[in-house]
Amino acid sequence: MNFKNSLKFLLFFPFLTGAQIICNSGNAGGYPCNNIDFYSRLSITQLGGTSSAEVNDIWGWTDPLDNKEYAIIGLTSHTAFVDITDPIAPIYLGKLPTATTNNIWRDIKVYNNFAFIVSEASGHGMQVFDLTRLRSVASPPLTFTTDAYYTGFGRAHNIAINKETGFAYVIGTTTFSGGPHFINIQNPLAPVAAGGYAAEGYTHDAQIVNYNGMDITHVGKEIFFGANEDKVVIVDVTDKTNPILLSTFTYANTAYTHQGWLTEDHKYFILGDEVDEQTFGFNTKTIIVDVSDLDNPVLKWNYAGVTPAIDHNGYVKGDEFYLANYRAGLRIMDISSVDSSNMTEIGFFDTFQSSNSNSFNGAWSVYPYFNSGSIIISDIESGLFVVRKNAFLSSDDFFESKSQIIIYPNPANSVITIDSKLILLSISIVNVDGRVVYENSGQLSNSQQIDTSNLASGVYFIRINNNITKKLIIE
């Protein structure tokens, strides 16, 4: 390979230059890890905060125009916006200051290219920010202003959004006894109050879905799953003027029912109690609730983690559960066997190196939904982390174009087939040292077979038409 092509590959695979720190022997750049590689970190001061500031919630946005990826992270004094498209070189673009006063609690969700931000700060209301403005930041960092502002409540602890209906559910306000405050955000620049639900009291966190699970009585309805301090509440909120309580769920050793997320088949609600590790002294406990009958949720079983750390926010992606586990950092569990009462930890990245004890430090939240495979973590004291599952854990593609290219089998032994909706013009296979081990060019049709029997076992990268890259594992 000539120097020009070598440079292209080194730029495209920055981890080959040593910028990515591979998790090796349980360590990546000084952080304990397993199967998760370290790409970058921005400290609190690099995110525009003072030395006394702390970090809280995090969410993500992918620009539909160019697939650039952005982290949206809350700090004591503001919300920060970071371009993480290049995961080894994140760019702090600027901040949206708090609407009123500083506060450690700030929460963010995204709908229709807008960020919706609430805070426990007195009189804060809901800030609305047009994320497409991030496309044109030429000289970062900037200080932004809001694009819309909703004042139907003052302080709030959290916000959840059902993107399928265009409704926001702001929770932990002084309205509706702290229960969900409904807002129609179908026009993000003109939020409209739509009622609320007070009957079950304060909600701390929630997920709202258009239900598509096993309970055929409720399929197609908009269902609210709320973590209400001492119980889970399940409410039909299809008719915002007449919410209907379907059921509640309680469990043994309750300390503070904090947050949960549904499996993608809507069969289980994976729940965390934030204070039970401190109160009862056991390891991280995750409660799996069988919600296949929404009118009668029951305990499936309790999963015990490997450390005594407190669990905070957890999210489901496919057959994996991503948990921000405070002092134990990010933990990833395989939940493919949840029906058999089995969860297995398959990876972790510990942002708080010194201890896994049950104190409120370390990883506050995690966002695992970027197509690139980047995972972002907010750490209270240490800022923003960008990590990815490594080759031994991940079958994700780097810079995916799944709709255009299929490679099979993968992992492979002797022969692979590449099928493409595009005409294949060039194919190169590169090993992890940056050396080209296979190269072919010319108009190759829409399908190509490649003999890989001479390749040693390991991880390779296939470069197609000089603009699509996929990962290949040879067994």
Protein backbone atom coordinates (compact mmCIF):
# COMPACT_ATOMS: atom_id res chain seq x y z
CA MET A 1 0.00 0.00 0.00
CA ASN A 2 1.39 3.41 -0.94
CA PHE A 3 1.86 6.28 1.55
CA LYS A 4 -1.29 8.13 0.44
CA ASN A 5 -3.51 5.10 0.98
CA SER A 6 -1.74 4.30 4.24
CA LEU A 7 -2.56 7.78 5.49
CA LYS A 8 -6.19 7.36 4.51
CA PHE A 9 -6.46 4.19 6.56
CA LEU A 10 -4.70 5.68 9.55
CA LEU A 11 -7.07 8.64 9.48
CA PHE A 12 -10.10 6.44 9.08
CA PHE A 13 -8.99 4.05 11.83
CA PRO A 14 -7.60 6.50 14.41
CA PHE A 15 -7.29 3.76 17.01
CA LEU A 16 -4.53 2.24 14.88
CA THR A 17 -2.40 5.24 15.78
CA GLY A 18 -2.85 4.58 19.49
CA ALA A 19 -5.56 7.19 20.10
CA GLN A 20 -8.05 4.51 21.06
CA ILE A 21 -6.99 2.75 24.25
CA ILE A 22 -7.91 -0.91 24.03
CA CYS A 23 -9.10 -2.61 27.20
CA ASN A 24 -6.20 -4.92 27.91
CA SER A 25 -5.71 -7.04 31.03
CA GLY A 26 -8.55 -5.24 32.75
CA ASN A 27 -7.28 -1.70 32.13
CA ALA A 28 -7.73 1.08 29.58
CA GLY A 29 -5.86 4.30 30.26
CA GLY A 30 -5.95 3.73 34.00
CA TYR A 31 -9.66 2.84 34.10
CA PRO A 32 -10.73 -0.69 35.10
CA CYS A 33 -12.56 -2.35 32.23
CA ASN A 34 -13.70 -5.52 30.57
CA ASN A 35 -14.49 -5.72 26.85
CA ILE A 36 -14.98 -1.95 26.53
CA ASP A 37 -12.36 0.34 24.95
CA PHE A 38 -11.65 3.94 25.93
CA TYR A 39 -11.86 6.60 23.21
CA SER A 40 -11.89 9.98 24.92
CA ARG A 41 -12.88 12.09 27.91
CA LEU A 42 -13.77 15.75 28.38
CA SER A 43 -13.40 17.07 31.92
CA ILE A 44 -15.95 19.32 33.59
CA THR A 45 -13.87 22.41 32.84
CA GLN A 46 -13.54 21.29 29.21
CA LEU A 47 -17.34 21.15 29.15
CA GLY A 48 -17.56 24.78 30.22
CA GLY A 49 -18.02 24.17 33.94
CA THR A 50 -16.18 25.59 36.92
CA SER A 51 -13.93 23.50 39.14
CA SER A 52 -16.79 23.14 41.64
CA ALA A 53 -19.40 22.05 39.06
CA GLU A 54 -20.73 18.53 38.70
CA VAL A 55 -22.17 16.54 35.82
CA ASN A 56 -25.59 14.90 35.77
CA ASP A 57 -27.80 13.54 32.99
CA ILE A 58 -26.78 12.75 29.41
CA TRP A 59 -28.60 12.07 26.15
CA GLY A 60 -27.65 11.89 22.49
CA TRP A 61 -28.70 13.18 19.09
CA THR A 62 -27.84 11.96 15.60
CA ASP A 63 -28.27 14.58 12.89
CA PRO A 64 -30.48 13.02 10.19
CA LEU A 65 -28.85 15.26 7.59
CA ASP A 66 -25.30 13.89 7.84
CA ASN A 67 -25.42 11.27 10.64
CA LYS A 68 -23.11 13.30 12.86
CA GLU A 69 -23.39 12.32 16.51
CA TYR A 70 -23.71 14.66 19.48
CA ALA A 71 -23.63 14.26 23.25
CA ILE A 72 -25.95 16.50 25.27
CA ILE A 73 -24.79 16.60 28.87
CA GLY A 74 -26.12 18.40 31.92
CA LEU A 75 -23.92 20.29 34.35
CA THR A 76 -24.66 22.26 37.50
CA SER A 77 -24.82 25.55 35.59
CA HIS A 78 -25.75 24.62 32.02
CA THR A 79 -26.30 22.05 29.31
CA ALA A 80 -23.25 21.29 27.14
CA PHE A 81 -23.27 20.17 23.50
CA VAL A 82 -20.41 18.02 22.19
CA ASP A 83 -19.74 16.74 18.67
CA ILE A 84 -18.55 13.14 19.17
CA THR A 85 -18.67 12.11 15.50
CA ASP A 86 -14.95 11.47 15.78
CA PRO A 87 -14.99 9.60 19.10
CA ILE A 88 -11.30 10.16 19.78
CA ALA A 89 -11.53 13.92 19.24
CA PRO A 90 -14.81 15.25 20.69
CA ILE A 91 -15.50 18.95 20.15
CA TYR A 92 -17.21 21.03 22.83
CA LEU A 93 -19.50 23.27 20.78
CA GLY A 94 -21.00 25.37 23.52
CA LYS A 95 -23.56 25.61 26.29
CA LEU A 96 -27.12 26.60 27.07
CA PRO A 97 -27.09 28.27 30.51
CA THR A 98 -29.58 27.25 33.18
CA ALA A 99 -32.89 29.13 32.92
CA THR A 100 -32.67 30.36 36.52
CA THR A 101 -30.16 29.21 39.14
CA ASN A 102 -27.55 26.48 39.33
CA ASN A 103 -28.63 23.00 40.40
CA ILE A 104 -27.09 19.54 40.32
CA TRP A 105 -30.27 17.99 38.87
CA ARG A 106 -30.82 18.58 35.17
CA ASP A 107 -32.47 16.19 32.70
CA ILE A 108 -32.58 16.12 28.91
CA LYS A 109 -34.50 14.23 26.24
CA VAL A 110 -34.69 14.69 22.44
CA TYR A 111 -37.62 14.80 20.04
CA ASN A 112 -37.73 15.82 16.38
CA ASN A 113 -34.26 17.46 16.42
CA PHE A 114 -34.99 19.47 19.57
CA ALA A 115 -33.63 19.05 23.08
CA PHE A 116 -36.04 19.47 25.99
CA ILE A 117 -34.35 20.36 29.27
CA VAL A 118 -35.68 20.56 32.83
CA SER A 119 -34.03 21.10 36.19
CA GLU A 120 -34.71 21.08 39.93
CA ALA A 121 -33.64 24.75 39.91
CA SER A 122 -36.44 26.94 41.25
CA GLY A 123 -38.65 28.37 38.51
CA HIS A 124 -36.66 26.68 35.73
CA GLY A 125 -39.49 25.46 33.49
CA MET A 126 -38.67 23.58 30.26
CA GLN A 127 -36.07 24.89 27.83
CA VAL A 128 -36.39 23.93 24.17
CA PHE A 129 -33.28 24.02 21.99
CA ASP A 130 -33.07 23.50 18.23
CA LEU A 131 -30.24 20.99 17.80
CA THR A 132 -29.85 21.74 14.10
CA ARG A 133 -28.11 24.96 15.20
CA LEU A 134 -25.13 22.77 16.08
CA ARG A 135 -24.50 22.24 12.35
CA SER A 136 -23.25 25.78 11.90
CA VAL A 137 -20.95 26.29 14.88
CA ALA A 138 -17.84 27.64 13.17
CA SER A 139 -15.89 28.95 16.18
CA PRO A 140 -16.75 26.96 19.30
CA PRO A 141 -17.52 27.25 22.09
CA LEU A 142 -20.65 29.38 21.91
CA THR A 143 -23.20 30.41 24.52
CA PHE A 144 -26.65 29.59 23.16
CA THR A 145 -30.13 30.87 23.95
CA THR A 146 -33.37 28.91 24.04
CA ASP A 147 -35.61 28.60 21.00
CA ALA A 148 -38.78 28.12 23.07
CA TYR A 149 -39.63 28.12 26.74
CA TYR A 150 -42.46 26.42 28.63
CA THR A 151 -43.46 27.82 32.03
CA GLY A 152 -46.39 25.60 33.00
CA PHE A 153 -44.34 24.39 35.96
CA GLY A 154 -41.28 25.64 37.85
CA ARG A 155 -38.76 23.07 38.97
CA ALA A 156 -38.85 19.45 37.76
CA HIS A 157 -36.80 16.37 38.43
CA ASN A 158 -37.07 14.60 35.11
CA ILE A 159 -38.55 14.50 31.64
CA ALA A 160 -39.63 11.54 29.49
CA ILE A 161 -40.85 11.72 25.89
CA ASN A 162 -42.87 9.34 23.77
CA LYS A 163 -41.48 10.08 20.33
CA GLU A 164 -44.26 8.12 18.65
CA THR A 165 -46.97 10.49 19.90
CA GLY A 166 -45.05 13.72 20.42
CA PHE A 167 -45.90 14.11 24.09
CA ALA A 168 -43.52 15.01 26.89
CA TYR A 169 -44.09 13.85 30.45
CA VAL A 170 -42.40 16.12 32.97
CA ILE A 171 -42.21 14.55 36.41
CA GLY A 172 -41.33 15.59 39.91
CA THR A 173 -42.81 19.06 39.55
CA THR A 174 -45.03 20.85 42.07
CA THR A 175 -47.97 20.28 39.72
CA PHE A 176 -50.16 17.14 39.76
CA SER A 177 -48.72 16.09 43.14
CA GLY A 178 -45.39 15.44 41.43
CA GLY A 179 -46.96 13.03 38.96
CA PRO A 180 -46.59 13.39 35.18
CA HIS A 181 -47.32 16.81 33.69
CA PHE A 182 -48.40 16.21 30.08
CA ILE A 183 -47.16 18.53 27.31
CA ASN A 184 -47.95 18.32 23.60
CA ILE A 185 -44.62 18.97 21.84
CA GLN A 186 -45.64 17.96 18.33
CA ASN A 187 -44.69 21.52 17.43
CA PRO A 188 -41.52 21.78 19.53
CA LEU A 189 -41.45 25.56 19.28
CA ALA A 190 -44.96 25.86 20.73
CA PRO A 191 -45.40 23.37 23.62
CA VAL A 192 -48.99 23.09 24.85
CA ALA A 193 -50.16 21.93 28.27
CA ALA A 194 -52.22 18.74 28.00
CA GLY A 195 -53.15 17.85 31.57
CA GLY A 196 -51.51 15.47 34.00
CA TYR A 197 -51.93 12.62 36.47
CA ALA A 198 -51.86 13.11 40.23
CA ALA A 199 -53.61 10.06 41.68
CA GLU A 200 -50.48 8.03 42.49
CA GLY A 201 -48.36 10.93 43.70
CA TYR A 202 -44.73 11.72 42.93
CA THR A 203 -43.01 10.06 39.96
CA HIS A 204 -39.20 10.04 39.93
CA ASP A 205 -38.58 8.66 36.43
CA ALA A 206 -40.66 7.08 33.68
CA GLN A 207 -40.84 5.47 30.29
CA ILE A 208 -43.85 5.91 28.02
CA VAL A 209 -44.49 3.70 24.99
CA ASN A 210 -47.10 2.82 22.44
CA TYR A 211 -47.61 -0.65 23.87
CA ASN A 212 -46.90 -3.63 21.63
CA GLY A 213 -46.50 -6.49 24.08
CA MET A 214 -48.26 -9.72 25.02
CA ASP A 215 -51.27 -8.14 26.72
CA ILE A 216 -53.60 -7.89 23.73
CA THR A 217 -56.14 -5.88 25.74
CA HIS A 218 -53.77 -2.91 25.71
CA VAL A 219 -51.90 -3.25 22.42
CA GLY A 220 -51.75 0.09 20.62
CA LYS A 221 -52.46 2.16 23.73
CA GLU A 222 -50.06 4.74 25.15
CA ILE A 223 -48.80 3.31 28.44
CA PHE A 224 -46.90 5.12 31.20
CA PHE A 225 -44.46 3.12 33.36
CA GLY A 226 -43.50 5.23 36.36
CA ALA A 227 -40.98 4.71 39.16
CA ASN A 228 -42.85 6.30 42.07
CA GLU A 229 -40.44 6.13 45.03
CA ASP A 230 -42.03 3.07 46.68
CA LYS A 231 -43.74 1.35 43.73
CA VAL A 232 -44.08 1.08 39.97
CA VAL A 233 -47.26 2.52 38.46
CA ILE A 234 -48.67 1.51 35.08
CA VAL A 235 -51.12 4.03 33.63
CA ASP A 236 -53.00 4.19 30.34
CA VAL A 237 -52.42 7.78 29.16
CA THR A 238 -53.93 7.39 25.70
CA ASP A 239 -56.64 9.88 26.61
CA LYS A 240 -54.77 12.75 28.28
CA THR A 241 -58.02 14.02 29.78
CA ASN A 242 -58.74 10.66 31.43
CA PRO A 243 -55.62 8.70 32.48
CA ILE A 244 -56.50 5.21 33.77
CA LEU A 245 -54.46 3.40 36.41
CA LEU A 246 -53.97 -0.20 35.27
CA SER A 247 -51.89 -1.51 38.17
CA THR A 248 -49.12 -0.93 40.68
CA PHE A 249 -46.17 -3.14 41.58
CA THR A 250 -44.33 -3.32 44.90
CA TYR A 251 -41.42 -5.51 45.99
CA ALA A 252 -39.51 -6.60 49.07
CA ASN A 253 -36.69 -4.49 50.52
CA THR A 254 -37.96 -1.26 48.98
CA ALA A 255 -35.77 1.77 49.65
CA TYR A 256 -36.31 4.13 46.68
CA THR A 257 -37.96 2.98 43.45
CA HIS A 258 -35.83 4.99 41.05
CA GLN A 259 -35.89 4.13 37.33
CA GLY A 260 -36.62 1.36 34.88
CA TRP A 261 -36.72 0.45 31.19
CA LEU A 262 -38.73 -2.04 29.15
CA THR A 263 -37.27 -4.88 27.16
CA GLU A 264 -37.91 -4.32 23.48
CA ASP A 265 -40.73 -6.89 23.41
CA HIS A 266 -42.44 -4.96 26.28
CA LYS A 267 -42.52 -8.15 28.35
CA TYR A 268 -40.25 -7.08 31.23
CA PHE A 269 -39.58 -3.83 33.06
CA ILE A 270 -35.98 -3.76 34.32
CA LEU A 271 -36.05 -1.70 37.50
CA GLY A 272 -33.49 -0.14 39.80
CA ASP A 273 -33.92 0.86 43.46
CA GLU A 274 -31.40 3.63 44.11
CA VAL A 275 -30.94 3.28 47.86
CA ASP A 276 -31.41 -0.42 48.60
CA GLU A 277 -27.68 -1.21 48.37
CA GLN A 278 -26.99 1.33 51.12
CA THR A 279 -30.04 0.39 53.19
CA PHE A 280 -29.78 -3.39 53.09
CA GLY A 281 -26.11 -3.95 52.30
CA PHE A 282 -26.34 -6.26 49.31
CA ASN A 283 -24.63 -5.97 45.92
CA THR A 284 -26.19 -3.98 43.08
CA LYS A 285 -29.71 -5.34 42.72
CA THR A 286 -31.73 -5.15 39.51
CA ILE A 287 -35.40 -6.08 39.73
CA ILE A 288 -36.96 -7.75 36.70
CA VAL A 289 -40.73 -7.22 36.61
CA ASP A 290 -42.89 -9.37 34.36
CA VAL A 291 -45.36 -6.94 32.77
CA SER A 292 -46.80 -9.32 30.18
CA ASP A 293 -50.13 -8.72 31.94
CA LEU A 294 -50.29 -4.96 32.47
CA ASP A 295 -53.11 -5.35 34.95
CA ASN A 296 -51.13 -7.76 37.09
CA PRO A 297 -47.33 -7.20 37.02
CA VAL A 298 -45.32 -9.76 39.02
CA LEU A 299 -41.72 -10.24 40.08
CA LYS A 300 -39.72 -12.40 37.67
CA TRP A 301 -36.53 -12.41 39.72
CA ASN A 302 -33.77 -10.24 41.17
CA TYR A 303 -30.36 -9.98 39.50
CA ALA A 304 -27.36 -9.50 41.81
CA GLY A 305 -24.42 -7.55 40.39
CA VAL A 306 -20.76 -8.19 41.10
CA THR A 307 -20.11 -5.05 43.20
CA PRO A 308 -21.85 -3.27 46.11
CA ALA A 309 -22.20 -0.06 44.04
CA ILE A 310 -25.52 1.80 43.74
CA ASP A 311 -27.45 1.46 40.49
CA HIS A 312 -28.73 4.65 38.83
CA ASN A 313 -29.99 4.88 35.23
CA GLY A 314 -30.33 1.83 32.98
CA TYR A 315 -31.39 1.44 29.34
CA VAL A 316 -32.16 -1.48 27.05
CA LYS A 317 -30.74 -1.81 23.55
CA GLY A 318 -31.58 -5.08 21.82
CA ASP A 319 -30.55 -7.95 24.08
CA GLU A 320 -28.35 -5.78 26.29
CA PHE A 321 -28.95 -3.67 29.37
CA TYR A 322 -26.66 -0.66 29.89
CA LEU A 323 -26.46 0.43 33.53
CA ALA A 324 -24.85 3.55 34.98
CA ASN A 325 -23.73 2.00 38.26
CA TYR A 326 -22.30 5.03 40.10
CA ARG A 327 -18.88 4.04 41.56
CA ALA A 328 -18.81 0.84 39.46
CA GLY A 329 -19.12 2.84 36.23
CA LEU A 330 -20.90 1.47 33.16
CA ARG A 331 -21.96 -2.17 33.28
CA ILE A 332 -23.40 -4.06 30.30
CA MET A 333 -25.57 -7.13 30.86
CA ASP A 334 -26.69 -9.73 28.34
CA ILE A 335 -30.45 -10.08 28.81
CA SER A 336 -31.11 -12.52 25.97
CA SER A 337 -31.99 -15.22 28.52
CA VAL A 338 -34.21 -13.06 30.71
CA ASP A 339 -37.06 -15.54 30.14
CA SER A 340 -34.92 -18.12 31.93
CA SER A 341 -34.24 -15.74 34.84
CA ASN A 342 -30.69 -15.16 33.70
CA MET A 343 -28.63 -12.01 33.13
CA THR A 344 -24.88 -12.05 32.61
CA GLU A 345 -22.45 -9.14 32.86
CA ILE A 346 -20.47 -9.08 29.61
CA GLY A 347 -18.56 -5.81 29.90
CA PHE A 348 -17.81 -2.81 32.05
CA PHE A 349 -15.91 0.48 32.05
CA ASP A 350 -15.32 1.91 35.51
CA THR A 351 -15.13 5.71 35.39
CA PHE A 352 -14.55 5.89 39.17
CA GLN A 353 -11.26 4.04 39.63
CA SER A 354 -10.72 4.14 43.38
CA SER A 355 -13.75 2.29 44.77
CA ASN A 356 -16.89 0.31 43.94
CA SER A 357 -18.57 1.08 47.27
CA ASN A 358 -22.19 2.20 47.70
CA SER A 359 -21.72 5.97 47.58
CA PHE A 360 -23.11 8.62 45.22
CA ASN A 361 -20.12 9.25 42.97
CA GLY A 362 -19.15 8.21 39.46
CA ALA A 363 -21.39 7.28 36.54
CA TRP A 364 -24.71 9.15 36.61
CA SER A 365 -26.10 8.03 33.25
CA VAL A 366 -25.34 6.40 29.92
CA TYR A 367 -26.60 6.74 26.34
CA PRO A 368 -25.99 3.63 24.17
CA TYR A 369 -28.12 4.35 21.08
CA PHE A 370 -25.65 5.73 18.50
CA ASN A 371 -25.46 3.69 15.29
CA SER A 372 -21.67 4.02 15.23
CA GLY A 373 -21.35 1.98 18.42
CA SER A 374 -20.13 4.92 20.50
CA ILE A 375 -21.41 4.89 24.07
CA ILE A 376 -21.40 8.08 26.15
CA ILE A 377 -21.22 8.17 29.94
CA SER A 378 -21.72 11.11 32.27
CA ASP A 379 -19.57 10.93 35.39
CA ILE A 380 -20.46 13.29 38.24
CA GLU A 381 -16.89 14.28 39.01
CA SER A 382 -15.02 13.42 35.81
CA GLY A 383 -17.21 14.67 32.95
CA LEU A 384 -17.95 13.01 29.61
CA PHE A 385 -16.55 9.63 28.54
CA VAL A 386 -16.79 8.15 25.04
CA VAL A 387 -16.26 4.38 24.91
CA ARG A 388 -17.11 1.46 22.65
CA LYS A 389 -17.47 -2.27 23.00
CA ASN A 390 -14.32 -3.92 21.75
CA ALA A 391 -13.98 -6.56 19.06
CA PHE A 392 -14.30 -9.46 21.46
CA LEU A 393 -17.70 -8.26 22.66
CA SER A 394 -19.11 -6.34 19.74
CA SER A 395 -20.45 -7.44 16.40
CA ASP A 396 -21.32 -3.83 15.58
CA ASP A 397 -19.91 -2.26 12.46
CA PHE A 398 -17.74 0.84 12.54
CA PHE A 399 -19.39 3.66 10.53
CA GLU A 400 -22.29 1.41 9.59
CA SER A 401 -24.16 1.28 6.34
CA LYS A 402 -26.20 -1.81 7.08
CA SER A 403 -28.91 -0.96 4.61
CA GLN A 404 -26.43 -1.10 1.71
CA ILE A 405 -23.88 -3.79 2.54
CA ILE A 406 -24.23 -7.32 3.94
CA ILE A 407 -21.18 -9.49 4.74
CA TYR A 408 -21.66 -13.14 5.66
CA PRO A 409 -20.74 -15.30 7.42
CA ASN A 410 -19.26 -13.00 10.07
CA PRO A 411 -17.42 -14.37 12.03
CA ALA A 412 -15.98 -16.30 9.10
CA ASN A 413 -13.64 -19.22 8.43
CA SER A 414 -12.70 -19.72 4.80
CA VAL A 415 -14.95 -17.70 2.46
CA ILE A 416 -17.03 -14.54 2.87
CA THR A 417 -19.68 -13.10 0.59
CA ILE A 418 -20.31 -9.38 0.21
CA ASP A 419 -23.75 -8.44 -1.11
CA SER A 420 -24.45 -4.80 -1.89
CA LYS A 421 -27.25 -2.61 -3.15
CA LEU A 422 -24.46 -0.52 -4.67
CA ILE A 423 -22.06 -1.57 -7.40
CA LEU A 424 -18.87 -2.76 -5.73
CA LEU A 425 -15.97 -0.74 -7.15
CA SER A 426 -13.21 -1.55 -4.69
CA ILE A 427 -12.68 -3.82 -1.70
CA SER A 428 -9.77 -3.80 0.72
CA ILE A 429 -9.23 -5.83 3.90
CA VAL A 430 -6.92 -4.35 6.51
CA ASN A 431 -5.60 -5.96 9.67
CA VAL A 432 -5.35 -4.16 13.02
CA ASP A 433 -1.76 -3.13 12.24
CA GLY A 434 -2.97 -1.17 9.23
CA ARG A 435 -1.57 -3.62 6.66
CA VAL A 436 -3.65 -4.41 3.57
CA VAL A 437 -4.12 -8.18 3.35
CA TYR A 438 -6.55 -8.18 0.42
CA GLU A 439 -7.28 -5.68 -2.34
CA ASN A 440 -9.44 -5.71 -5.46
CA SER A 441 -10.80 -2.92 -7.64
CA GLY A 442 -12.76 -2.39 -10.83
CA GLN A 443 -16.49 -2.76 -11.39
CA LEU A 444 -17.03 -5.95 -9.42
CA SER A 445 -20.87 -6.27 -9.63
CA ASN A 446 -23.21 -6.30 -6.62
CA SER A 447 -21.87 -9.47 -5.06
CA GLN A 448 -18.38 -10.70 -4.39
CA GLN A 449 -16.90 -13.79 -2.75
CA ILE A 450 -13.48 -13.56 -1.09
CA ASP A 451 -11.26 -16.42 0.02
CA THR A 452 -10.20 -15.69 3.60
CA SER A 453 -8.68 -19.09 4.37
CA ASN A 454 -5.18 -17.60 4.41
CA LEU A 455 -6.04 -15.00 7.07
CA ALA A 456 -5.04 -15.59 10.65
CA SER A 457 -7.70 -15.52 13.35
CA GLY A 458 -8.46 -12.01 14.53
CA VAL A 459 -10.18 -8.72 13.72
CA TYR A 460 -10.01 -7.09 10.29
CA PHE A 461 -11.66 -4.10 8.61
CA ILE A 462 -13.23 -4.21 5.15
CA ARG A 463 -13.15 -0.94 3.21
CA ILE A 464 -15.73 -0.84 0.40
CA ASN A 465 -15.80 1.79 -2.37
CA ASN A 466 -13.48 3.94 -0.23
CA ASN A 467 -16.36 5.20 1.92
CA ILE A 468 -17.94 2.29 3.80
CA THR A 469 -16.12 0.32 6.46
CA LYS A 470 -17.24 -2.85 8.19
CA LYS A 471 -15.63 -5.10 10.72
CA LEU A 472 -14.78 -8.72 9.93
CA ILE A 473 -13.86 -11.38 12.47
CA ILE A 474 -11.92 -14.43 11.31
CA GLU A 475 -12.22 -17.42 13.63
